[in-house]
């Protein structure tokens, strides 16, 4: 499955330059390990896409609900991302 997502400039830049290799998102798309994220830089101030795109594969997922302490941010997932995309 491929998911097309908006990514705000402050978060997108870290993906673009390789400093960030994860995403925290509401799991409203039933993300799965192996899915592809197509992240498009979106500027909320101008309400326009910049044209820059990062494509990553989900390699690991966890929810904050799985923590042994009380649940935090119910409905969110943390996804580890890899650059090695075959055919993308």
Protein backbone atom coordinates (compact mmCIF):
# COMPACT_ATOMS: atom_id res chain seq x y z
CA UNK A 1 0.00 0.00 0.00
CA UNK A 2 1.24 3.50 -0.80
CA UNK A 3 0.13 6.44 1.33
CA UNK A 4 0.37 10.04 0.04
CA UNK A 5 0.88 12.41 2.95
CA UNK A 6 1.45 16.10 3.54
CA UNK A 7 4.57 16.96 5.52
CA UNK A 8 5.12 20.42 6.98
CA UNK A 9 8.47 22.07 6.13
CA UNK A 10 9.97 21.78 9.63
CA UNK A 11 9.41 17.99 9.64
CA UNK A 12 10.02 17.45 5.92
CA UNK A 13 13.47 19.08 5.95
CA UNK A 14 14.74 16.60 8.55
CA UNK A 15 13.54 13.70 6.36
CA UNK A 16 15.01 15.32 3.26
CA UNK A 17 18.48 15.76 4.76
CA UNK A 18 18.52 12.35 6.47
CA UNK A 19 18.38 13.53 10.09
CA UNK A 20 14.95 11.98 10.69
CA UNK A 21 14.04 8.35 9.97
CA UNK A 22 10.62 8.08 11.62
CA UNK A 23 7.10 9.47 11.48
CA UNK A 24 4.53 9.95 14.23
CA UNK A 25 1.02 9.96 12.80
CA UNK A 26 -2.60 9.33 13.68
CA UNK A 27 -3.24 5.78 12.50
CA UNK A 28 -6.24 6.74 10.40
CA UNK A 29 -4.97 4.83 7.34
CA UNK A 30 -4.26 1.41 8.89
CA UNK A 31 -0.51 1.69 8.28
CA UNK A 32 1.41 -1.60 8.07
CA UNK A 33 5.07 -2.60 8.02
CA UNK A 34 6.10 -2.71 4.36
CA UNK A 35 3.79 0.13 3.30
CA UNK A 36 5.28 3.05 1.36
CA UNK A 37 4.94 6.65 2.53
CA UNK A 38 5.10 9.31 -0.15
CA UNK A 39 5.67 12.47 1.87
CA UNK A 40 5.13 15.74 0.02
CA UNK A 41 6.35 19.01 1.51
CA UNK A 42 3.31 21.20 2.25
CA UNK A 43 3.50 24.77 3.48
CA UNK A 44 0.47 25.51 5.69
CA UNK A 45 1.11 29.26 5.42
CA UNK A 46 0.85 29.37 1.63
CA UNK A 47 -1.34 26.23 1.39
CA UNK A 48 0.85 24.96 -1.45
CA UNK A 49 3.15 22.02 -2.14
CA UNK A 50 6.82 22.86 -2.70
CA UNK A 51 7.33 20.05 -5.20
CA UNK A 52 9.80 18.17 -2.98
CA UNK A 53 8.90 14.55 -2.25
CA UNK A 54 10.46 11.90 0.00
CA UNK A 55 9.53 8.24 -0.40
CA UNK A 56 10.13 5.85 2.50
CA UNK A 57 9.15 2.28 3.45
CA UNK A 58 7.79 1.48 6.92
CA UNK A 59 10.15 -1.01 8.60
CA UNK A 60 8.79 -1.02 12.16
CA UNK A 61 5.74 0.33 13.97
CA UNK A 62 4.61 0.76 17.55
CA UNK A 63 1.79 2.56 19.30
CA UNK A 64 2.18 4.66 22.37
CA UNK A 65 -0.68 2.60 23.81
CA UNK A 66 1.74 -0.36 24.16
CA UNK A 67 3.79 1.44 26.81
CA UNK A 68 3.66 -0.18 30.26
CA UNK A 69 2.64 3.16 31.76
CA UNK A 70 -0.69 4.82 31.08
CA UNK A 71 -1.47 5.31 27.38
CA UNK A 72 -0.33 8.51 25.71
CA UNK A 73 -1.68 9.97 22.48
CA UNK A 74 -4.26 7.27 21.81
CA UNK A 75 -4.61 6.44 18.13
CA UNK A 76 -1.08 7.51 17.15
CA UNK A 77 1.69 5.29 15.76
CA UNK A 78 5.44 5.71 15.55
CA UNK A 79 6.87 4.34 12.30
CA UNK A 80 10.54 3.65 11.52
CA UNK A 81 11.35 4.45 7.90
CA UNK A 82 13.94 3.13 5.44
CA UNK A 83 15.32 4.80 2.32
CA UNK A 84 15.79 1.57 0.36
CA UNK A 85 12.69 1.57 -1.81
CA UNK A 86 12.54 -1.01 -4.58
CA UNK A 87 10.68 0.25 -7.62
CA UNK A 88 9.71 3.58 -6.09
